């Protein structure tokens, strides 16, 4: 019994560590090293944590299930921002659905909301941050009214996302996810 429990513990630790591998990133700002990570307390409580030069500095609570954690340059100026996909209802859409939250890191290294989006154009399936020609973009997979999917591109404009272009429309979910992750 102890051997089986020990083997199970090793397997679970391996799975957990693999999952956590994509839930942190490091940023250099001047002489400082920032490590930003996502930690899960339970199914509907996550924290975005930040350590500066190896010491805990700040965190932001997310009281919703998280399905995506990403980072990249979204705004002009070259600072790295944080994107989190959460599942939550909103005031005008009471059904829990996938939403996109964007956070910035302040000059004094605190995590602050940039945009707590309720929707993109269509119901959100997944997203990814990308950089092209020194500009940051948010690429999304969204569900069309027909039930098929589309892949769209947005950029940051002042306070919110501005639509740029459709990469593909009326395609299957598998095709859309392939486009999202291969470009």
N, C-alpha and C. Protein backbone atom coordinates (compact mmCIF):
# COMPACT_ATOMS: atom_id res chain seq x y z
N UNK A 1 0.83 -1.20 0.00
CA UNK A 1 0.00 0.00 0.00
C UNK A 1 0.87 1.26 0.00
N UNK A 2 1.91 1.30 0.80
CA UNK A 2 2.78 2.47 0.84
C UNK A 2 3.50 2.65 -0.49
N UNK A 3 3.91 1.55 -1.10
CA UNK A 3 4.60 1.65 -2.38
C UNK A 3 3.65 2.23 -3.44
N UNK A 4 2.40 1.74 -3.49
CA UNK A 4 1.43 2.24 -4.45
C UNK A 4 1.17 3.72 -4.23
N UNK A 5 1.00 4.14 -2.99
CA UNK A 5 0.78 5.54 -2.67
C UNK A 5 1.97 6.38 -3.09
N UNK A 6 3.18 5.84 -2.87
CA UNK A 6 4.40 6.55 -3.23
C UNK A 6 4.50 6.71 -4.75
N UNK A 7 4.18 5.65 -5.49
CA UNK A 7 4.21 5.71 -6.95
C UNK A 7 3.17 6.71 -7.44
N UNK A 8 1.97 6.70 -6.86
CA UNK A 8 0.93 7.65 -7.24
C UNK A 8 1.39 9.08 -6.97
N UNK A 9 2.05 9.30 -5.85
CA UNK A 9 2.55 10.62 -5.51
C UNK A 9 3.58 11.09 -6.55
N UNK A 10 4.47 10.21 -6.97
CA UNK A 10 5.47 10.55 -7.98
C UNK A 10 4.80 10.89 -9.31
N UNK A 11 3.82 10.09 -9.72
CA UNK A 11 3.10 10.34 -10.97
C UNK A 11 2.38 11.68 -10.91
N UNK A 12 1.67 11.95 -9.80
CA UNK A 12 0.95 13.20 -9.67
C UNK A 12 1.91 14.39 -9.64
N UNK A 13 3.02 14.25 -8.98
CA UNK A 13 4.02 15.32 -8.94
C UNK A 13 4.54 15.60 -10.35
N UNK A 14 4.77 14.57 -11.12
CA UNK A 14 5.22 14.73 -12.50
C UNK A 14 4.19 15.45 -13.34
N UNK A 15 2.92 15.08 -13.19
CA UNK A 15 1.87 15.74 -13.95
C UNK A 15 1.75 17.20 -13.54
N UNK A 16 1.81 17.44 -12.23
CA UNK A 16 1.68 18.80 -11.73
C UNK A 16 2.83 19.67 -12.22
N UNK A 17 4.02 19.14 -12.18
CA UNK A 17 5.17 19.94 -12.60
C UNK A 17 5.12 20.22 -14.10
N UNK A 18 4.63 19.30 -14.89
CA UNK A 18 4.50 19.55 -16.33
C UNK A 18 3.50 20.67 -16.58
N UNK A 19 2.39 20.62 -15.85
CA UNK A 19 1.37 21.64 -16.02
C UNK A 19 1.91 23.00 -15.61
N UNK A 20 2.64 23.07 -14.53
CA UNK A 20 3.17 24.33 -14.03
C UNK A 20 4.25 24.90 -14.93
N UNK A 21 4.86 24.08 -15.75
CA UNK A 21 5.94 24.53 -16.62
C UNK A 21 5.54 25.73 -17.47
N UNK A 22 4.31 25.75 -17.96
CA UNK A 22 3.84 26.83 -18.82
C UNK A 22 3.18 27.97 -18.04
N UNK A 23 3.18 27.89 -16.72
CA UNK A 23 2.47 28.88 -15.93
C UNK A 23 3.40 29.86 -15.22
N UNK A 24 4.56 30.10 -15.79
CA UNK A 24 5.44 31.12 -15.24
C UNK A 24 6.34 31.66 -16.35
N UNK A 25 6.82 32.86 -16.15
CA UNK A 25 7.76 33.45 -17.08
C UNK A 25 8.63 34.45 -16.34
N UNK A 26 9.75 34.80 -16.95
CA UNK A 26 10.73 35.71 -16.35
C UNK A 26 10.89 36.92 -17.26
N UNK A 27 10.95 38.09 -16.64
CA UNK A 27 11.14 39.35 -17.36
C UNK A 27 12.34 40.06 -16.74
N UNK A 28 13.19 40.61 -17.58
CA UNK A 28 14.28 41.47 -17.09
C UNK A 28 13.85 42.91 -17.28
N UNK A 29 13.93 43.70 -16.21
CA UNK A 29 13.66 45.14 -16.27
C UNK A 29 14.83 45.85 -15.60
N UNK A 30 15.68 46.43 -16.39
CA UNK A 30 16.87 47.07 -15.83
C UNK A 30 17.72 46.03 -15.11
N UNK A 31 18.02 46.28 -13.86
CA UNK A 31 18.80 45.34 -13.05
C UNK A 31 17.94 44.32 -12.33
N UNK A 32 16.62 44.40 -12.50
CA UNK A 32 15.71 43.51 -11.78
C UNK A 32 15.23 42.34 -12.63
N UNK A 33 15.02 41.22 -11.97
CA UNK A 33 14.45 40.03 -12.60
C UNK A 33 13.09 39.80 -11.97
N UNK A 34 12.06 39.80 -12.79
CA UNK A 34 10.70 39.56 -12.33
C UNK A 34 10.29 38.16 -12.75
N UNK A 35 9.78 37.39 -11.81
CA UNK A 35 9.22 36.09 -12.14
C UNK A 35 7.73 36.15 -11.85
N UNK A 36 6.94 35.93 -12.88
CA UNK A 36 5.49 35.97 -12.78
C UNK A 36 4.97 34.55 -12.95
N UNK A 37 4.07 34.14 -12.05
CA UNK A 37 3.56 32.78 -12.12
C UNK A 37 2.07 32.75 -11.77
N UNK A 38 1.43 31.68 -12.18
CA UNK A 38 0.03 31.44 -11.86
C UNK A 38 -0.03 30.26 -10.91
N UNK A 39 -0.70 30.43 -9.78
CA UNK A 39 -0.85 29.32 -8.84
C UNK A 39 -2.34 29.08 -8.60
N UNK A 40 -2.66 27.83 -8.41
CA UNK A 40 -4.05 27.41 -8.20
C UNK A 40 -4.24 27.02 -6.74
N UNK A 41 -5.20 27.66 -6.09
CA UNK A 41 -5.54 27.28 -4.72
C UNK A 41 -6.61 26.20 -4.73
N UNK A 42 -7.62 26.38 -5.57
CA UNK A 42 -8.66 25.38 -5.83
C UNK A 42 -9.32 25.74 -7.14
N UNK A 43 -10.36 25.02 -7.54
CA UNK A 43 -10.94 25.16 -8.87
C UNK A 43 -11.33 26.59 -9.25
N UNK A 44 -11.68 27.41 -8.27
CA UNK A 44 -12.11 28.76 -8.62
C UNK A 44 -11.35 29.83 -7.84
N UNK A 45 -10.11 29.55 -7.49
CA UNK A 45 -9.26 30.58 -6.90
C UNK A 45 -7.82 30.37 -7.37
N UNK A 46 -7.36 31.34 -8.15
CA UNK A 46 -6.01 31.34 -8.67
C UNK A 46 -5.35 32.65 -8.26
N UNK A 47 -4.04 32.66 -8.26
CA UNK A 47 -3.29 33.88 -7.99
C UNK A 47 -2.24 34.08 -9.08
N UNK A 48 -2.14 35.32 -9.54
CA UNK A 48 -0.98 35.71 -10.33
C UNK A 48 0.01 36.25 -9.31
N UNK A 49 1.17 35.62 -9.23
CA UNK A 49 2.19 35.98 -8.24
C UNK A 49 3.37 36.62 -8.95
N UNK A 50 4.03 37.55 -8.24
CA UNK A 50 5.23 38.13 -8.81
C UNK A 50 6.32 38.22 -7.74
N UNK A 51 7.49 37.71 -8.12
CA UNK A 51 8.67 37.84 -7.29
C UNK A 51 9.64 38.77 -8.01
N UNK A 52 10.32 39.60 -7.25
CA UNK A 52 11.32 40.51 -7.79
C UNK A 52 12.66 40.11 -7.18
N UNK A 53 13.61 39.76 -8.04
CA UNK A 53 14.94 39.33 -7.60
C UNK A 53 14.86 38.20 -6.56
N UNK A 54 13.95 37.27 -6.82
CA UNK A 54 13.84 36.08 -5.98
C UNK A 54 13.00 36.24 -4.73
N UNK A 55 12.45 37.43 -4.48
CA UNK A 55 11.65 37.65 -3.28
C UNK A 55 10.21 37.98 -3.68
N UNK A 56 9.24 37.36 -2.98
CA UNK A 56 7.83 37.63 -3.26
C UNK A 56 7.57 39.13 -3.16
N UNK A 57 6.78 39.66 -4.14
CA UNK A 57 6.51 41.09 -4.15
C UNK A 57 5.03 41.41 -4.15
N UNK A 58 4.25 40.77 -5.02
CA UNK A 58 2.82 41.08 -5.10
C UNK A 58 2.06 39.92 -5.73
N UNK A 59 0.73 40.00 -5.60
CA UNK A 59 -0.13 38.99 -6.24
C UNK A 59 -1.48 39.61 -6.55
N UNK A 60 -2.19 38.93 -7.44
CA UNK A 60 -3.54 39.34 -7.82
C UNK A 60 -4.42 38.10 -7.80
N UNK A 61 -5.52 38.16 -7.06
CA UNK A 61 -6.44 37.03 -6.94
C UNK A 61 -7.39 36.99 -8.13
N UNK A 62 -7.61 35.79 -8.65
CA UNK A 62 -8.59 35.53 -9.70
C UNK A 62 -9.59 34.53 -9.13
N UNK A 63 -10.79 34.96 -8.89
CA UNK A 63 -11.78 34.11 -8.23
C UNK A 63 -12.65 33.37 -9.23
N UNK A 64 -12.01 32.89 -10.28
CA UNK A 64 -12.70 32.16 -11.35
C UNK A 64 -11.80 31.05 -11.85
N UNK A 65 -12.38 30.02 -12.45
CA UNK A 65 -11.52 29.02 -13.10
C UNK A 65 -10.71 29.66 -14.22
N UNK A 66 -9.47 29.23 -14.37
CA UNK A 66 -8.57 29.76 -15.40
C UNK A 66 -8.31 28.69 -16.44
N UNK A 67 -8.41 29.05 -17.72
CA UNK A 67 -8.14 28.08 -18.78
C UNK A 67 -6.91 28.44 -19.62
N UNK A 68 -6.38 29.68 -19.49
CA UNK A 68 -5.21 30.06 -20.28
C UNK A 68 -4.44 31.13 -19.51
N UNK A 69 -3.11 31.03 -19.56
CA UNK A 69 -2.21 32.02 -18.96
C UNK A 69 -1.13 32.31 -19.99
N UNK A 70 -1.01 33.57 -20.40
CA UNK A 70 -0.07 33.92 -21.46
C UNK A 70 0.53 35.28 -21.15
N UNK A 71 1.56 35.64 -21.86
CA UNK A 71 2.20 36.93 -21.67
C UNK A 71 2.81 37.39 -22.97
N UNK A 72 3.03 38.69 -23.06
CA UNK A 72 3.64 39.26 -24.25
C UNK A 72 3.47 40.75 -24.25
N UNK A 73 3.99 41.39 -25.27
CA UNK A 73 3.87 42.83 -25.42
C UNK A 73 2.55 43.11 -26.13
N UNK A 74 1.66 43.80 -25.46
CA UNK A 74 0.37 44.14 -26.06
C UNK A 74 0.32 45.62 -26.40
N UNK A 75 0.81 46.44 -25.48
CA UNK A 75 0.74 47.89 -25.64
C UNK A 75 2.05 48.44 -26.19
N UNK A 76 1.98 49.66 -26.72
CA UNK A 76 3.20 50.32 -27.17
C UNK A 76 4.10 50.57 -25.98
N UNK A 77 5.38 50.59 -26.20
CA UNK A 77 6.32 50.84 -25.13
C UNK A 77 7.16 49.63 -24.77
N UNK A 78 6.76 48.47 -25.25
CA UNK A 78 7.59 47.29 -25.08
C UNK A 78 7.51 46.58 -23.73
N UNK A 79 6.62 47.01 -22.82
CA UNK A 79 6.50 46.32 -21.54
C UNK A 79 5.69 45.04 -21.70
N UNK A 80 6.08 44.01 -20.98
CA UNK A 80 5.38 42.73 -21.04
C UNK A 80 4.09 42.81 -20.23
N UNK A 81 3.01 42.34 -20.82
CA UNK A 81 1.70 42.29 -20.16
C UNK A 81 1.30 40.83 -19.96
N UNK A 82 0.27 40.63 -19.15
CA UNK A 82 -0.20 39.30 -18.80
C UNK A 82 -1.62 39.13 -19.32
N UNK A 83 -1.90 37.99 -19.92
CA UNK A 83 -3.25 37.67 -20.40
C UNK A 83 -3.72 36.40 -19.68
N UNK A 84 -4.93 36.45 -19.16
CA UNK A 84 -5.49 35.31 -18.44
C UNK A 84 -6.88 35.04 -18.98
N UNK A 85 -7.14 33.80 -19.32
CA UNK A 85 -8.47 33.39 -19.73
C UNK A 85 -9.19 32.82 -18.53
N UNK A 86 -10.34 33.41 -18.20
CA UNK A 86 -11.13 32.94 -17.06
C UNK A 86 -12.52 32.52 -17.54
N UNK A 87 -13.19 31.74 -16.73
CA UNK A 87 -14.57 31.35 -17.01
C UNK A 87 -15.43 32.00 -15.94
N UNK A 88 -16.32 32.91 -16.38
CA UNK A 88 -17.13 33.63 -15.41
C UNK A 88 -18.38 34.21 -16.07
N UNK A 89 -19.40 34.47 -15.29
CA UNK A 89 -20.56 35.20 -15.81
C UNK A 89 -20.28 36.70 -15.76
N UNK A 90 -21.10 37.47 -16.44
CA UNK A 90 -21.01 38.93 -16.34
C UNK A 90 -22.40 39.47 -16.04
N UNK A 91 -22.46 40.74 -15.78
CA UNK A 91 -23.73 41.37 -15.43
C UNK A 91 -24.79 41.16 -16.52
N UNK A 92 -24.39 41.29 -17.79
CA UNK A 92 -25.35 41.19 -18.88
C UNK A 92 -25.32 39.83 -19.57
N UNK A 93 -24.46 38.94 -19.13
CA UNK A 93 -24.37 37.59 -19.68
C UNK A 93 -24.18 36.63 -18.49
N UNK A 94 -25.29 36.23 -17.86
CA UNK A 94 -25.19 35.46 -16.60
C UNK A 94 -24.67 34.03 -16.76
N UNK A 95 -24.56 33.55 -17.99
CA UNK A 95 -24.02 32.20 -18.21
C UNK A 95 -22.50 32.25 -18.10
N UNK A 96 -21.90 31.42 -17.25
CA UNK A 96 -20.43 31.40 -17.20
C UNK A 96 -19.86 31.06 -18.57
N UNK A 97 -18.94 31.88 -19.02
CA UNK A 97 -18.35 31.69 -20.34
C UNK A 97 -16.90 32.12 -20.29
N UNK A 98 -16.14 31.82 -21.33
CA UNK A 98 -14.73 32.18 -21.38
C UNK A 98 -14.59 33.68 -21.64
N UNK A 99 -13.75 34.30 -20.83
CA UNK A 99 -13.48 35.73 -20.94
C UNK A 99 -11.97 35.95 -20.99
N UNK A 100 -11.56 37.13 -21.39
CA UNK A 100 -10.15 37.49 -21.48
C UNK A 100 -9.87 38.64 -20.53
N UNK A 101 -8.90 38.45 -19.64
CA UNK A 101 -8.43 39.50 -18.74
C UNK A 101 -7.01 39.85 -19.12
N UNK A 102 -6.70 41.14 -19.16
CA UNK A 102 -5.34 41.61 -19.43
C UNK A 102 -4.84 42.41 -18.23
N UNK A 103 -3.59 42.16 -17.85
CA UNK A 103 -2.98 42.84 -16.72
C UNK A 103 -1.67 43.47 -17.16
N UNK A 104 -1.30 44.54 -16.48
CA UNK A 104 -0.01 45.19 -16.71
C UNK A 104 0.81 45.07 -15.44
N UNK A 105 2.09 45.28 -15.57
CA UNK A 105 2.99 45.32 -14.42
C UNK A 105 3.44 46.77 -14.29
N UNK A 106 3.14 47.38 -13.15
CA UNK A 106 3.45 48.79 -12.96
C UNK A 106 4.96 49.01 -12.83
N UNK A 107 5.37 50.26 -12.89
CA UNK A 107 6.79 50.59 -12.76
C UNK A 107 7.36 50.17 -11.41
N UNK A 108 6.49 50.14 -10.37
CA UNK A 108 6.96 49.70 -9.06
C UNK A 108 6.60 48.23 -8.80
N UNK A 109 6.35 47.49 -9.90
CA UNK A 109 6.22 46.02 -9.89
C UNK A 109 4.98 45.48 -9.17
N UNK A 110 3.85 46.11 -9.44
CA UNK A 110 2.59 45.56 -8.95
C UNK A 110 1.76 45.14 -10.16
N UNK A 111 0.95 44.12 -9.97
CA UNK A 111 0.07 43.61 -11.02
C UNK A 111 -1.24 44.38 -10.93
N UNK A 112 -1.63 45.01 -12.04
CA UNK A 112 -2.86 45.80 -12.07
C UNK A 112 -3.66 45.47 -13.32
N UNK A 113 -4.99 45.51 -13.22
CA UNK A 113 -5.82 45.23 -14.40
C UNK A 113 -5.61 46.27 -15.49
N UNK A 114 -5.54 45.79 -16.69
CA UNK A 114 -5.48 46.64 -17.87
C UNK A 114 -6.85 46.62 -18.55
N UNK A 115 -7.42 45.42 -18.65
CA UNK A 115 -8.73 45.24 -19.28
C UNK A 115 -9.33 43.94 -18.76
N UNK A 116 -10.51 44.02 -18.17
CA UNK A 116 -11.21 42.83 -17.69
C UNK A 116 -12.39 42.63 -18.64
N UNK A 117 -12.10 42.09 -19.80
CA UNK A 117 -13.05 42.03 -20.89
C UNK A 117 -14.22 41.10 -20.63
N UNK A 118 -15.38 41.54 -21.05
CA UNK A 118 -16.54 40.68 -20.93
C UNK A 118 -16.72 39.83 -22.19
N UNK A 119 -16.34 40.39 -23.33
CA UNK A 119 -16.50 39.65 -24.59
C UNK A 119 -15.56 40.17 -25.66
N UNK A 120 -15.29 39.31 -26.62
CA UNK A 120 -14.76 39.75 -27.91
C UNK A 120 -15.97 39.70 -28.83
N UNK A 121 -15.80 39.75 -30.13
CA UNK A 121 -16.94 39.85 -31.04
C UNK A 121 -17.91 38.67 -30.93
N UNK A 122 -17.38 37.46 -30.85
CA UNK A 122 -18.19 36.24 -30.74
C UNK A 122 -17.76 35.49 -29.47
N UNK A 123 -18.51 34.47 -29.07
CA UNK A 123 -18.09 33.71 -27.88
C UNK A 123 -16.66 33.17 -28.02
N UNK A 124 -15.85 33.43 -27.02
CA UNK A 124 -14.43 33.08 -27.03
C UNK A 124 -14.22 31.60 -26.75
N UNK A 125 -13.35 30.98 -27.54
CA UNK A 125 -12.96 29.59 -27.33
C UNK A 125 -11.55 29.53 -26.74
N UNK A 126 -10.61 30.28 -27.33
CA UNK A 126 -9.23 30.29 -26.86
C UNK A 126 -8.55 31.54 -27.43
N UNK A 127 -7.35 31.84 -26.95
CA UNK A 127 -6.60 32.99 -27.43
C UNK A 127 -5.12 32.74 -27.27
N UNK A 128 -4.35 33.62 -27.89
CA UNK A 128 -2.89 33.58 -27.79
C UNK A 128 -2.35 34.97 -28.11
N UNK A 129 -1.32 35.38 -27.41
CA UNK A 129 -0.66 36.65 -27.71
C UNK A 129 0.45 36.39 -28.72
N UNK A 130 0.56 37.28 -29.70
CA UNK A 130 1.62 37.14 -30.70
C UNK A 130 2.23 38.51 -30.97
N UNK A 131 3.43 38.51 -31.47
CA UNK A 131 4.11 39.75 -31.86
C UNK A 131 4.51 39.64 -33.32
N UNK A 132 4.14 40.66 -34.08
CA UNK A 132 4.53 40.75 -35.48
C UNK A 132 4.99 42.17 -35.72
N UNK A 133 6.11 42.32 -36.41
CA UNK A 133 6.63 43.64 -36.77
C UNK A 133 6.64 44.58 -35.57
N UNK A 134 7.12 44.08 -34.42
CA UNK A 134 7.28 44.87 -33.20
C UNK A 134 5.96 45.34 -32.60
N UNK A 135 4.83 44.78 -33.04
CA UNK A 135 3.53 45.11 -32.46
C UNK A 135 2.94 43.87 -31.82
N UNK A 136 2.22 44.06 -30.73
CA UNK A 136 1.57 42.94 -30.07
C UNK A 136 0.13 42.77 -30.54
N UNK A 137 -0.25 41.53 -30.71
CA UNK A 137 -1.60 41.20 -31.14
C UNK A 137 -2.18 40.11 -30.25
N UNK A 138 -3.50 40.09 -30.20
CA UNK A 138 -4.22 39.03 -29.52
C UNK A 138 -4.98 38.28 -30.59
N UNK A 139 -4.66 37.00 -30.74
CA UNK A 139 -5.35 36.16 -31.72
C UNK A 139 -6.33 35.29 -30.97
N UNK A 140 -7.52 35.17 -31.51
CA UNK A 140 -8.58 34.43 -30.83
C UNK A 140 -9.19 33.38 -31.73
N UNK A 141 -9.71 32.35 -31.09
CA UNK A 141 -10.63 31.42 -31.74
C UNK A 141 -11.98 31.74 -31.11
N UNK A 142 -12.96 32.00 -31.97
CA UNK A 142 -14.29 32.34 -31.51
C UNK A 142 -15.32 31.45 -32.20
N UNK A 143 -16.46 31.29 -31.56
CA UNK A 143 -17.53 30.44 -32.08
C UNK A 143 -18.49 31.28 -32.91
N UNK A 144 -18.64 30.90 -34.19
CA UNK A 144 -19.59 31.58 -35.09
C UNK A 144 -21.02 31.21 -34.70
N UNK A 145 -21.99 32.00 -35.13
CA UNK A 145 -23.40 31.67 -34.86
C UNK A 145 -23.80 30.35 -35.48
N UNK A 146 -23.14 29.96 -36.56
CA UNK A 146 -23.44 28.71 -37.25
C UNK A 146 -22.95 27.49 -36.47
N UNK A 147 -22.08 27.73 -35.46
CA UNK A 147 -21.48 26.63 -34.72
C UNK A 147 -20.05 26.35 -35.15
N UNK A 148 -19.67 26.85 -36.33
CA UNK A 148 -18.28 26.72 -36.79
C UNK A 148 -17.42 27.73 -36.03
N UNK A 149 -16.15 27.76 -36.33
CA UNK A 149 -15.23 28.66 -35.63
C UNK A 149 -14.60 29.67 -36.58
N UNK A 150 -14.04 30.71 -35.99
CA UNK A 150 -13.27 31.70 -36.72
C UNK A 150 -12.00 31.99 -35.94
N UNK A 151 -11.00 32.51 -36.66
CA UNK A 151 -9.77 32.98 -36.03
C UNK A 151 -9.68 34.47 -36.34
N UNK A 152 -9.59 35.30 -35.28
CA UNK A 152 -9.54 36.75 -35.46
C UNK A 152 -8.29 37.32 -34.79
N UNK A 153 -7.92 38.50 -35.23
CA UNK A 153 -6.78 39.21 -34.65
C UNK A 153 -7.26 40.56 -34.13
N UNK A 154 -6.78 40.92 -32.94
CA UNK A 154 -7.08 42.21 -32.31
C UNK A 154 -5.78 42.86 -31.88
N UNK A 155 -5.81 44.17 -31.69
CA UNK A 155 -4.67 44.86 -31.08
C UNK A 155 -5.20 45.78 -30.00
N UNK A 156 -4.31 46.21 -29.12
CA UNK A 156 -4.68 47.10 -28.02
C UNK A 156 -4.83 48.51 -28.56
N UNK A 157 -5.94 49.16 -28.17
CA UNK A 157 -6.14 50.55 -28.56
C UNK A 157 -6.70 51.32 -27.37
N UNK A 158 -5.83 52.02 -26.67
CA UNK A 158 -6.25 52.88 -25.57
C UNK A 158 -6.81 52.13 -24.39
N UNK A 159 -8.08 51.84 -24.44
CA UNK A 159 -8.72 51.07 -23.37
C UNK A 159 -9.60 50.00 -24.00
N UNK A 160 -9.00 48.94 -24.44
CA UNK A 160 -9.77 47.86 -25.01
C UNK A 160 -9.13 47.33 -26.28
N UNK A 161 -9.79 46.35 -26.85
CA UNK A 161 -9.28 45.70 -28.04
C UNK A 161 -9.94 46.27 -29.28
N UNK A 162 -9.17 46.41 -30.32
CA UNK A 162 -9.68 46.84 -31.62
C UNK A 162 -9.51 45.69 -32.60
N UNK A 163 -10.56 45.39 -33.33
CA UNK A 163 -10.53 44.32 -34.32
C UNK A 163 -9.58 44.70 -35.45
N UNK A 164 -8.75 43.74 -35.88
CA UNK A 164 -7.82 43.96 -36.99
C UNK A 164 -8.29 43.22 -38.24
N UNK A 165 -8.49 41.89 -38.11
CA UNK A 165 -8.78 41.10 -39.30
C UNK A 165 -9.23 39.70 -38.90
N UNK A 166 -9.93 39.05 -39.81
CA UNK A 166 -10.22 37.62 -39.68
C UNK A 166 -9.14 36.86 -40.43
N UNK A 167 -8.58 35.87 -39.79
CA UNK A 167 -7.63 35.00 -40.48
C UNK A 167 -8.36 33.88 -41.20
N UNK A 168 -9.44 33.42 -40.60
CA UNK A 168 -10.26 32.36 -41.22
C UNK A 168 -11.64 32.40 -40.59
N UNK A 169 -12.63 32.00 -41.37
CA UNK A 169 -14.01 31.93 -40.87
C UNK A 169 -14.65 30.63 -41.31
N UNK A 170 -15.67 30.22 -40.56
CA UNK A 170 -16.44 29.02 -40.87
C UNK A 170 -15.55 27.79 -41.02
N UNK A 171 -14.67 27.59 -40.05
CA UNK A 171 -13.79 26.41 -40.06
C UNK A 171 -14.07 25.58 -38.81
N UNK A 172 -13.56 24.37 -38.81
CA UNK A 172 -13.77 23.48 -37.66
C UNK A 172 -12.93 23.94 -36.48
N UNK A 173 -13.30 23.48 -35.30
CA UNK A 173 -12.55 23.81 -34.09
C UNK A 173 -11.10 23.33 -34.20
N UNK A 174 -10.89 22.12 -34.71
CA UNK A 174 -9.53 21.60 -34.81
C UNK A 174 -8.69 22.44 -35.78
N UNK A 175 -9.29 22.89 -36.90
CA UNK A 175 -8.57 23.75 -37.84
C UNK A 175 -8.23 25.09 -37.19
N UNK A 176 -9.19 25.64 -36.45
CA UNK A 176 -8.98 26.94 -35.80
C UNK A 176 -7.88 26.87 -34.76
N UNK A 177 -7.89 25.82 -33.95
CA UNK A 177 -6.86 25.68 -32.92
C UNK A 177 -5.48 25.45 -33.54
N UNK A 178 -5.45 24.73 -34.65
CA UNK A 178 -4.19 24.52 -35.35
C UNK A 178 -3.64 25.85 -35.87
N UNK A 179 -4.50 26.68 -36.47
CA UNK A 179 -4.07 28.00 -36.93
C UNK A 179 -3.59 28.86 -35.75
N UNK A 180 -4.33 28.83 -34.66
CA UNK A 180 -3.99 29.65 -33.50
C UNK A 180 -2.61 29.31 -32.97
N UNK A 181 -2.29 28.05 -32.88
CA UNK A 181 -1.04 27.64 -32.25
C UNK A 181 0.14 27.47 -33.22
N UNK A 182 -0.12 27.54 -34.52
CA UNK A 182 0.98 27.36 -35.47
C UNK A 182 1.47 28.68 -36.08
N UNK A 183 0.83 29.78 -35.79
CA UNK A 183 1.27 31.07 -36.35
C UNK A 183 1.81 31.96 -35.27
